[in-house]
Amino acid sequence: MGGTSGIGREVAVQLAQTGEWQVAVCGRNEAQLQELQDKYGQIVAGRRIDVTDDGAPAQLMRLISDLGGVDLYFHSSGIGWQNPALDVVKELRTVETNALGFCRMATAVFNYAAGHPGRALQLAVISSIAGTKGLGAAPAYSATKRFVNHYMECLEQLRRMRSISNLTLCDIRPGFVRTPLIADGCRYPMQLEAPAVARAIIRGLARRRRIVTIDWRYRLLVFFWRLLPGWLWVRLPVRS
């Protein structure tokens, strides 16, 4: 989901190129959906699905039925801006896609797994290290990523409470990745390349890791971020 650009597209392509997966790509860009199917034989289906649409879960379930089931649901739909001017339209659009859209699709996949106990299913989502601390330059983006982090933790606890043994969860937390998402003219430090990030993601998925932070520099950065008390963090002028 969200596989027509950025990390989602790169993961879809790399999985298809292994020859071990049949990949269905979903997103809002119909031209890109068709281009991916034409170019990669293992991408067997493309479906226009907008995660902000209330009908998106039903569309996903129809696609899964058409495919005969699903082994991995990979959620990469997300938008974001640096928004120090606090443009409310940008803030609400970010919440609508990154929080409400994610919640809409994640609950559908979780409930699908609960209703199909005989089939192993992995639910993976791209969140961000931005969920570690609130970023004043991107309030809605960092807040929605924290929402995703906490929601995935809640789903893991709920999975155990309900003994849904066929479902595994993976929260993937990259730093700045050179994709259209950050092509906004700002200068982002320690940028990662999407192909390398996708390879690291696929390794993490294969190992069934619950949290994957990419790469070692960002793991170190997050470690030190967590040590900073809140009163100090809000006084730091964190910018790109």
C-alpha atoms as a PDB file:
ATOM      1  CA  MET A   1       0.000   0.000   0.000  1.00  0.00           C
ATOM      2  CA  GLY A   2       1.567   3.280  -1.128  1.00  0.00           C
ATOM      3  CA  GLY A   3       3.752   1.353  -3.552  1.00  0.00           C
ATOM      4  CA  THR A   4       3.891   3.775  -6.475  1.00  0.00           C
ATOM      5  CA  SER A   5       6.795   5.879  -5.189  1.00  0.00           C
ATOM      6  CA  GLY A   6       9.541   6.108  -2.598  1.00  0.00           C
ATOM      7  CA  ILE A   7      10.284   3.286  -0.181  1.00  0.00           C
ATOM      8  CA  GLY A   8       7.076   1.410  -0.980  1.00  0.00           C
ATOM      9  CA  ARG A   9       7.886   1.229  -4.674  1.00  0.00           C
ATOM     10  CA  GLU A  10      11.469   0.109  -4.031  1.00  0.00           C
ATOM     11  CA  VAL A  11      10.397  -2.653  -1.636  1.00  0.00           C
ATOM     12  CA  ALA A  12       7.744  -3.857  -4.113  1.00  0.00           C
ATOM     13  CA  VAL A  13      10.271  -3.963  -6.962  1.00  0.00           C
ATOM     14  CA  GLN A  14      12.938  -5.749  -4.920  1.00  0.00           C
ATOM     15  CA  LEU A  15      10.472  -8.356  -3.667  1.00  0.00           C
ATOM     16  CA  ALA A  16       9.265  -8.910  -7.226  1.00  0.00           C
ATOM     17  CA  GLN A  17      12.833  -9.275  -8.511  1.00  0.00           C
ATOM     18  CA  THR A  18      13.581 -12.110  -6.088  1.00  0.00           C
ATOM     19  CA  GLY A  19      11.180 -14.296  -8.054  1.00  0.00           C
ATOM     20  CA  GLU A  20       9.826 -15.644  -4.766  1.00  0.00           C
ATOM     21  CA  TRP A  21       6.888 -13.264  -4.376  1.00  0.00           C
ATOM     22  CA  GLN A  22       3.773 -12.371  -6.266  1.00  0.00           C
ATOM     23  CA  VAL A  23       3.360  -8.670  -5.563  1.00  0.00           C
ATOM     24  CA  ALA A  24       0.255  -6.505  -5.746  1.00  0.00           C
ATOM     25  CA  VAL A  25       0.872  -2.760  -5.644  1.00  0.00           C
ATOM     26  CA  CYS A  26      -1.705  -0.264  -4.442  1.00  0.00           C
ATOM     27  CA  GLY A  27      -1.680   3.511  -4.491  1.00  0.00           C
ATOM     28  CA  ARG A  28      -3.305   6.618  -5.889  1.00  0.00           C
ATOM     29  CA  ASN A  29      -1.236   7.034  -9.078  1.00  0.00           C
ATOM     30  CA  GLU A  30      -2.858   4.870 -11.733  1.00  0.00           C
ATOM     31  CA  ALA A  31      -0.172   5.568 -14.339  1.00  0.00           C
ATOM     32  CA  GLN A  32       2.546   4.357 -11.978  1.00  0.00           C
ATOM     33  CA  LEU A  33       0.503   1.274 -11.063  1.00  0.00           C
ATOM     34  CA  GLN A  34       0.274   0.314 -14.730  1.00  0.00           C
ATOM     35  CA  GLU A  35       3.950   1.073 -15.376  1.00  0.00           C
ATOM     36  CA  LEU A  36       5.020  -1.228 -12.555  1.00  0.00           C
ATOM     37  CA  GLN A  37       2.890  -4.094 -13.858  1.00  0.00           C
ATOM     38  CA  ASP A  38       4.192  -3.624 -17.399  1.00  0.00           C
ATOM     39  CA  LYS A  39       7.818  -3.556 -16.266  1.00  0.00           C
ATOM     40  CA  TYR A  40       7.926  -6.316 -13.637  1.00  0.00           C
ATOM     41  CA  GLY A  41       6.318  -9.662 -14.344  1.00  0.00           C
ATOM     42  CA  GLN A  42       6.058 -10.667 -10.678  1.00  0.00           C
ATOM     43  CA  ILE A  43       3.932  -7.606  -9.933  1.00  0.00           C
ATOM     44  CA  VAL A  44       0.720  -9.401 -10.721  1.00  0.00           C
ATOM     45  CA  ALA A  45      -1.836  -6.745  -9.808  1.00  0.00           C
ATOM     46  CA  GLY A  46      -2.225  -3.023  -9.344  1.00  0.00           C
ATOM     47  CA  ARG A  47      -5.188  -1.431  -7.655  1.00  0.00           C
ATOM     48  CA  ARG A  48      -5.986   2.219  -7.107  1.00  0.00           C
ATOM     49  CA  ILE A  49      -6.722   2.509  -3.392  1.00  0.00           C
ATOM     50  CA  ASP A  50      -6.792   5.757  -1.433  1.00  0.00           C
ATOM     51  CA  VAL A  51      -6.279   5.102   2.286  1.00  0.00           C
ATOM     52  CA  THR A  52      -8.223   8.261   3.152  1.00  0.00           C
ATOM     53  CA  ASP A  53     -11.359   6.738   1.600  1.00  0.00           C
ATOM     54  CA  ASP A  54     -13.759   4.921   3.936  1.00  0.00           C
ATOM     55  CA  GLY A  55     -14.148   2.236   1.261  1.00  0.00           C
ATOM     56  CA  ALA A  56     -10.422   1.453   1.132  1.00  0.00           C
ATOM     57  CA  PRO A  57     -10.542  -1.591   3.466  1.00  0.00           C
ATOM     58  CA  ALA A  58     -13.286  -3.199   1.386  1.00  0.00           C
ATOM     59  CA  GLN A  59     -11.240  -2.596  -1.770  1.00  0.00           C
ATOM     60  CA  LEU A  60      -8.237  -4.228  -0.111  1.00  0.00           C
ATOM     61  CA  MET A  61     -10.267  -7.252   0.956  1.00  0.00           C
ATOM     62  CA  ARG A  62     -11.534  -7.688  -2.600  1.00  0.00           C
ATOM     63  CA  LEU A  63      -7.979  -7.584  -3.889  1.00  0.00           C
ATOM     64  CA  ILE A  64      -6.850 -10.161  -1.324  1.00  0.00           C
ATOM     65  CA  SER A  65      -9.744 -12.401  -2.323  1.00  0.00           C
ATOM     66  CA  ASP A  66      -8.825 -12.039  -6.008  1.00  0.00           C
ATOM     67  CA  LEU A  67      -5.239 -13.042  -5.192  1.00  0.00           C
ATOM     68  CA  GLY A  68      -6.288 -16.039  -3.102  1.00  0.00           C
ATOM     69  CA  GLY A  69      -4.859 -14.686   0.156  1.00  0.00           C
ATOM     70  CA  VAL A  70      -1.989 -12.591   1.471  1.00  0.00           C
ATOM     71  CA  ASP A  71       1.274 -13.362   3.292  1.00  0.00           C
ATOM     72  CA  LEU A  72       2.586  -9.806   3.763  1.00  0.00           C
ATOM     73  CA  TYR A  73       0.741  -6.514   3.986  1.00  0.00           C
ATOM     74  CA  PHE A  74       3.250  -3.667   3.647  1.00  0.00           C
ATOM     75  CA  HIS A  75       1.920  -0.195   4.473  1.00  0.00           C
ATOM     76  CA  SER A  76       4.000   2.644   3.044  1.00  0.00           C
ATOM     77  CA  SER A  77       1.332   5.308   2.483  1.00  0.00           C
ATOM     78  CA  GLY A  78       2.429   8.577   3.994  1.00  0.00           C
ATOM     79  CA  ILE A  79       2.806  12.297   3.362  1.00  0.00           C
ATOM     80  CA  GLY A  80       4.492  15.101   5.255  1.00  0.00           C
ATOM     81  CA  TRP A  81       5.993  18.546   5.171  1.00  0.00           C
ATOM     82  CA  GLN A  82       8.083  20.784   7.297  1.00  0.00           C
ATOM     83  CA  ASN A  83       5.389  23.207   8.377  1.00  0.00           C
ATOM     84  CA  PRO A  84       6.748  25.853  10.781  1.00  0.00           C
ATOM     85  CA  ALA A  85       4.054  28.271   9.559  1.00  0.00           C
ATOM     86  CA  LEU A  86       1.505  25.724  10.826  1.00  0.00           C
ATOM     87  CA  ASP A  87      -0.634  25.675   7.694  1.00  0.00           C
ATOM     88  CA  VAL A  88      -3.703  23.859   9.002  1.00  0.00           C
ATOM     89  CA  VAL A  89      -4.538  22.332   5.611  1.00  0.00           C
ATOM     90  CA  LYS A  90      -1.161  20.579   5.523  1.00  0.00           C
ATOM     91  CA  GLU A  91      -1.534  19.462   9.134  1.00  0.00           C
ATOM     92  CA  LEU A  92      -4.969  17.950   8.587  1.00  0.00           C
ATOM     93  CA  ARG A  93      -3.990  16.258   5.318  1.00  0.00           C
ATOM     94  CA  THR A  94      -1.044  14.665   7.110  1.00  0.00           C
ATOM     95  CA  VAL A  95      -3.240  13.404   9.941  1.00  0.00           C
ATOM     96  CA  GLU A  96      -5.812  12.107   7.472  1.00  0.00           C
ATOM     97  CA  THR A  97      -3.260  10.017   5.565  1.00  0.00           C
ATOM     98  CA  ASN A  98      -0.650   9.064   8.149  1.00  0.00           C
ATOM     99  CA  ALA A  99      -2.897   8.436  11.149  1.00  0.00           C
ATOM    100  CA  LEU A 100      -6.474   7.854  10.015  1.00  0.00           C
ATOM    101  CA  GLY A 101      -5.473   6.127   6.772  1.00  0.00           C
ATOM    102  CA  PHE A 102      -3.018   3.864   8.542  1.00  0.00           C
ATOM    103  CA  CYS A 103      -5.519   3.015  11.281  1.00  0.00           C
ATOM    104  CA  ARG A 104      -8.200   2.262   8.695  1.00  0.00           C
ATOM    105  CA  MET A 105      -5.995  -0.242   6.853  1.00  0.00           C
ATOM    106  CA  ALA A 106      -4.134  -1.751   9.815  1.00  0.00           C
ATOM    107  CA  THR A 107      -7.359  -2.656  11.617  1.00  0.00           C
ATOM    108  CA  ALA A 108      -8.689  -4.294   8.453  1.00  0.00           C
ATOM    109  CA  VAL A 109      -5.560  -6.433   8.084  1.00  0.00           C
ATOM    110  CA  PHE A 110      -5.471  -7.306  11.788  1.00  0.00           C
ATOM    111  CA  ASN A 111      -9.089  -8.441  11.683  1.00  0.00           C
ATOM    112  CA  TYR A 112      -8.439 -10.390   8.480  1.00  0.00           C
ATOM    113  CA  ALA A 113      -5.622 -12.277  10.218  1.00  0.00           C
ATOM    114  CA  ALA A 114      -7.833 -12.966  13.229  1.00  0.00           C
ATOM    115  CA  GLY A 115     -10.481 -14.424  10.921  1.00  0.00           C
ATOM    116  CA  HIS A 116      -8.011 -16.639   9.009  1.00  0.00           C
ATOM    117  CA  PRO A 117      -6.065 -18.449  11.754  1.00  0.00           C
ATOM    118  CA  GLY A 118      -4.704 -21.038   9.346  1.00  0.00           C
ATOM    119  CA  ARG A 119      -2.755 -18.524   7.274  1.00  0.00           C
ATOM    120  CA  ALA A 120       0.457 -16.812   8.461  1.00  0.00           C
ATOM    121  CA  LEU A 121       0.392 -13.069   7.807  1.00  0.00           C
ATOM    122  CA  GLN A 122       2.890 -10.294   8.429  1.00  0.00           C
ATOM    123  CA  LEU A 123       1.691  -6.717   8.914  1.00  0.00           C
ATOM    124  CA  ALA A 124       4.505  -4.202   8.345  1.00  0.00           C
ATOM    125  CA  VAL A 125       4.337  -0.415   8.332  1.00  0.00           C
ATOM    126  CA  ILE A 126       6.757   2.395   7.535  1.00  0.00           C
ATOM    127  CA  SER A 127       6.754   4.809  10.447  1.00  0.00           C
ATOM    128  CA  SER A 128       9.813   6.983  11.186  1.00  0.00           C
ATOM    129  CA  ILE A 129      12.397   7.917  13.772  1.00  0.00           C
ATOM    130  CA  ALA A 130      10.432  11.195  13.818  1.00  0.00           C
ATOM    131  CA  GLY A 131       8.045   9.452  16.196  1.00  0.00           C
ATOM    132  CA  THR A 132      10.747   9.436  18.883  1.00  0.00           C
ATOM    133  CA  LYS A 133      10.425  13.135  19.776  1.00  0.00           C
ATOM    134  CA  GLY A 134       8.060  15.901  18.751  1.00  0.00           C
ATOM    135  CA  LEU A 135       9.573  18.022  15.975  1.00  0.00           C
ATOM    136  CA  GLY A 136       8.453  21.645  15.994  1.00  0.00           C
ATOM    137  CA  ALA A 137       9.229  22.066  12.298  1.00  0.00           C
ATOM    138  CA  ALA A 138       6.887  19.199  11.361  1.00  0.00           C
ATOM    139  CA  PRO A 139       4.229  18.863  14.084  1.00  0.00           C
ATOM    140  CA  ALA A 140       1.645  16.694  12.332  1.00  0.00           C
ATOM    141  CA  TYR A 141       4.241  14.493  10.670  1.00  0.00           C
ATOM    142  CA  SER A 142       6.132  13.637  13.853  1.00  0.00           C
ATOM    143  CA  ALA A 143       2.912  13.290  15.877  1.00  0.00           C
ATOM    144  CA  THR A 144       1.362  10.889  13.369  1.00  0.00           C
ATOM    145  CA  LYS A 145       4.532   8.803  13.316  1.00  0.00           C
ATOM    146  CA  ARG A 146       4.409   8.536  17.089  1.00  0.00           C
ATOM    147  CA  PHE A 147       0.770   7.485  16.732  1.00  0.00           C
ATOM    148  CA  VAL A 148       1.873   4.686  14.397  1.00  0.00           C
ATOM    149  CA  ASN A 149       4.616   3.572  16.798  1.00  0.00           C
ATOM    150  CA  HIS A 150       2.210   3.363  19.718  1.00  0.00           C
ATOM    151  CA  TYR A 151      -0.568   1.794  17.681  1.00  0.00           C
ATOM    152  CA  MET A 152       1.716  -0.983  16.488  1.00  0.00           C
ATOM    153  CA  GLU A 153       2.778  -1.600  20.087  1.00  0.00           C
ATOM    154  CA  CYS A 154      -0.894  -1.773  21.084  1.00  0.00           C
ATOM    155  CA  LEU A 155      -1.636  -4.207  18.264  1.00  0.00           C
ATOM    156  CA  GLU A 156       1.214  -6.442  19.409  1.00  0.00           C
ATOM    157  CA  GLN A 157      -0.211  -6.505  22.931  1.00  0.00           C
ATOM    158  CA  LEU A 158      -3.712  -7.123  21.588  1.00  0.00           C
ATOM    159  CA  ARG A 159      -2.433  -9.905  19.348  1.00  0.00           C
ATOM    160  CA  ARG A 160      -1.022 -11.655  22.396  1.00  0.00           C
ATOM    161  CA  MET A 161      -4.136 -11.033  24.471  1.00  0.00           C
ATOM    162  CA  ARG A 162      -6.261 -12.645  21.773  1.00  0.00           C
ATOM    163  CA  SER A 163      -3.707 -15.396  21.002  1.00  0.00           C
ATOM    164  CA  ILE A 164      -3.573 -14.554  17.278  1.00  0.00           C
ATOM    165  CA  SER A 165      -0.507 -16.686  16.627  1.00  0.00           C
ATOM    166  CA  ASN A 166      -0.578 -16.485  12.830  1.00  0.00           C
ATOM    167  CA  LEU A 167       0.083 -12.716  12.779  1.00  0.00           C
ATOM    168  CA  THR A 168       3.457 -10.977  13.138  1.00  0.00           C
ATOM    169  CA  LEU A 169       3.943  -7.210  13.247  1.00  0.00           C
ATOM    170  CA  CYS A 170       6.833  -5.046  12.094  1.00  0.00           C
ATOM    171  CA  ASP A 171       7.291  -1.308  12.736  1.00  0.00           C
ATOM    172  CA  ILE A 172       9.941   0.037  10.326  1.00  0.00           C
ATOM    173  CA  ARG A 173      11.597   3.304  11.361  1.00  0.00           C
ATOM    174  CA  PRO A 174      13.844   4.903   8.758  1.00  0.00           C
ATOM    175  CA  GLY A 175      15.542   8.273   9.017  1.00  0.00           C
ATOM    176  CA  PHE A 176      15.742  10.655   6.071  1.00  0.00           C
ATOM    177  CA  VAL A 177      15.485   8.695   2.818  1.00  0.00           C
ATOM    178  CA  ARG A 178      16.088  10.296  -0.574  1.00  0.00           C
ATOM    179  CA  THR A 179      12.524  10.016  -1.945  1.00  0.00           C
ATOM    180  CA  PRO A 180       9.875  12.451  -3.253  1.00  0.00           C
ATOM    181  CA  LEU A 181       8.623  12.812   0.341  1.00  0.00           C
ATOM    182  CA  ILE A 182      11.595  15.032   1.253  1.00  0.00           C
ATOM    183  CA  ALA A 183      12.014  16.715  -2.141  1.00  0.00           C
ATOM    184  CA  ASP A 184      10.815  20.004  -0.685  1.00  0.00           C
ATOM    185  CA  GLY A 185      13.970  22.066  -1.059  1.00  0.00           C
ATOM    186  CA  CYS A 186      15.086  21.565   2.551  1.00  0.00           C
ATOM    187  CA  ARG A 187      18.488  20.173   3.402  1.00  0.00           C
ATOM    188  CA  TYR A 188      18.155  16.947   5.341  1.00  0.00           C
ATOM    189  CA  PRO A 189      21.190  15.393   7.049  1.00  0.00           C
ATOM    190  CA  MET A 190      22.346  11.768   6.798  1.00  0.00           C
ATOM    191  CA  GLN A 191      20.130  10.974   3.812  1.00  0.00           C
ATOM    192  CA  LEU A 192      19.807   7.297   2.942  1.00  0.00           C
ATOM    193  CA  GLU A 193      19.262   5.840  -0.520  1.00  0.00           C
ATOM    194  CA  ALA A 194      15.943   4.073  -1.112  1.00  0.00           C
ATOM    195  CA  PRO A 195      17.419   0.854  -2.638  1.00  0.00           C
ATOM    196  CA  ALA A 196      19.677   0.275   0.388  1.00  0.00           C
ATOM    197  CA  VAL A 197      16.820   1.048   2.773  1.00  0.00           C
ATOM    198  CA  ALA A 198      14.577  -1.419   0.959  1.00  0.00           C
ATOM    199  CA  ARG A 199      17.221  -4.155   1.233  1.00  0.00           C
ATOM    200  CA  ALA A 200      17.490  -3.528   4.984  1.00  0.00           C
ATOM    201  CA  ILE A 201      13.707  -3.635   5.306  1.00  0.00           C
ATOM    202  CA  ILE A 202      13.456  -6.946   3.480  1.00  0.00           C
ATOM    203  CA  ARG A 203      16.139  -8.426   5.759  1.00  0.00           C
ATOM    204  CA  GLY A 204      14.210  -7.236   8.804  1.00  0.00           C
ATOM    205  CA  LEU A 205      10.981  -8.715   7.475  1.00  0.00           C
ATOM    206  CA  ALA A 206      12.666 -12.057   6.830  1.00  0.00           C
ATOM    207  CA  ARG A 207      13.918 -12.102  10.425  1.00  0.00           C
ATOM    208  CA  ARG A 208      10.417 -11.297  11.735  1.00  0.00           C
ATOM    209  CA  ARG A 209      11.728  -8.369  13.759  1.00  0.00           C
ATOM    210  CA  ARG A 210       9.060  -6.292  15.487  1.00  0.00           C
ATOM    211  CA  ILE A 211      10.953  -2.983  15.220  1.00  0.00           C
ATOM    212  CA  VAL A 212      13.470  -2.182  12.497  1.00  0.00           C
ATOM    213  CA  THR A 213      15.404   1.108  12.769  1.00  0.00           C
ATOM    214  CA  ILE A 214      17.493   1.938   9.695  1.00  0.00           C
ATOM    215  CA  ASP A 215      20.542   2.392   9.835  1.00  0.00           C
ATOM    216  CA  TRP A 216      23.168   2.263  12.649  1.00  0.00           C
ATOM    217  CA  ARG A 217      23.596   6.060  12.649  1.00  0.00           C
ATOM    218  CA  TYR A 218      19.903   6.553  13.256  1.00  0.00           C
ATOM    219  CA  ARG A 219      19.836   3.831  15.906  1.00  0.00           C
ATOM    220  CA  LEU A 220      22.564   5.777  17.713  1.00  0.00           C
ATOM    221  CA  LEU A 221      20.748   9.082  17.208  1.00  0.00           C
ATOM    222  CA  VAL A 222      17.481   7.690  18.593  1.00  0.00           C
ATOM    223  CA  PHE A 223      19.330   6.283  21.611  1.00  0.00           C
ATOM    224  CA  PHE A 224      20.634   9.743  22.529  1.00  0.00           C
ATOM    225  CA  TRP A 225      17.344  11.449  21.695  1.00  0.00           C
ATOM    226  CA  ARG A 226      15.599   9.250  24.220  1.00  0.00           C
ATOM    227  CA  LEU A 227      18.033  10.363  26.933  1.00  0.00           C
ATOM    228  CA  LEU A 228      17.084  14.037  26.571  1.00  0.00           C
ATOM    229  CA  PRO A 229      14.465  15.199  29.088  1.00  0.00           C
ATOM    230  CA  GLY A 230      11.374  16.875  27.697  1.00  0.00           C
ATOM    231  CA  TRP A 231      12.130  20.269  29.244  1.00  0.00           C
ATOM    232  CA  LEU A 232      15.444  20.368  27.371  1.00  0.00           C
ATOM    233  CA  TRP A 233      14.149  18.964  24.080  1.00  0.00           C
ATOM    234  CA  VAL A 234      11.490  21.672  23.605  1.00  0.00           C
ATOM    235  CA  ARG A 235      14.186  24.343  24.013  1.00  0.00           C
ATOM    236  CA  LEU A 236      16.297  22.968  21.149  1.00  0.00           C
ATOM    237  CA  PRO A 237      15.838  24.648  17.741  1.00  0.00           C
ATOM    238  CA  VAL A 238      15.676  21.444  15.709  1.00  0.00           C
ATOM    239  CA  ARG A 239      15.674  22.308  12.002  1.00  0.00           C
ATOM    240  CA  SER A 240      16.624  20.603   8.745  1.00  0.00           C
END
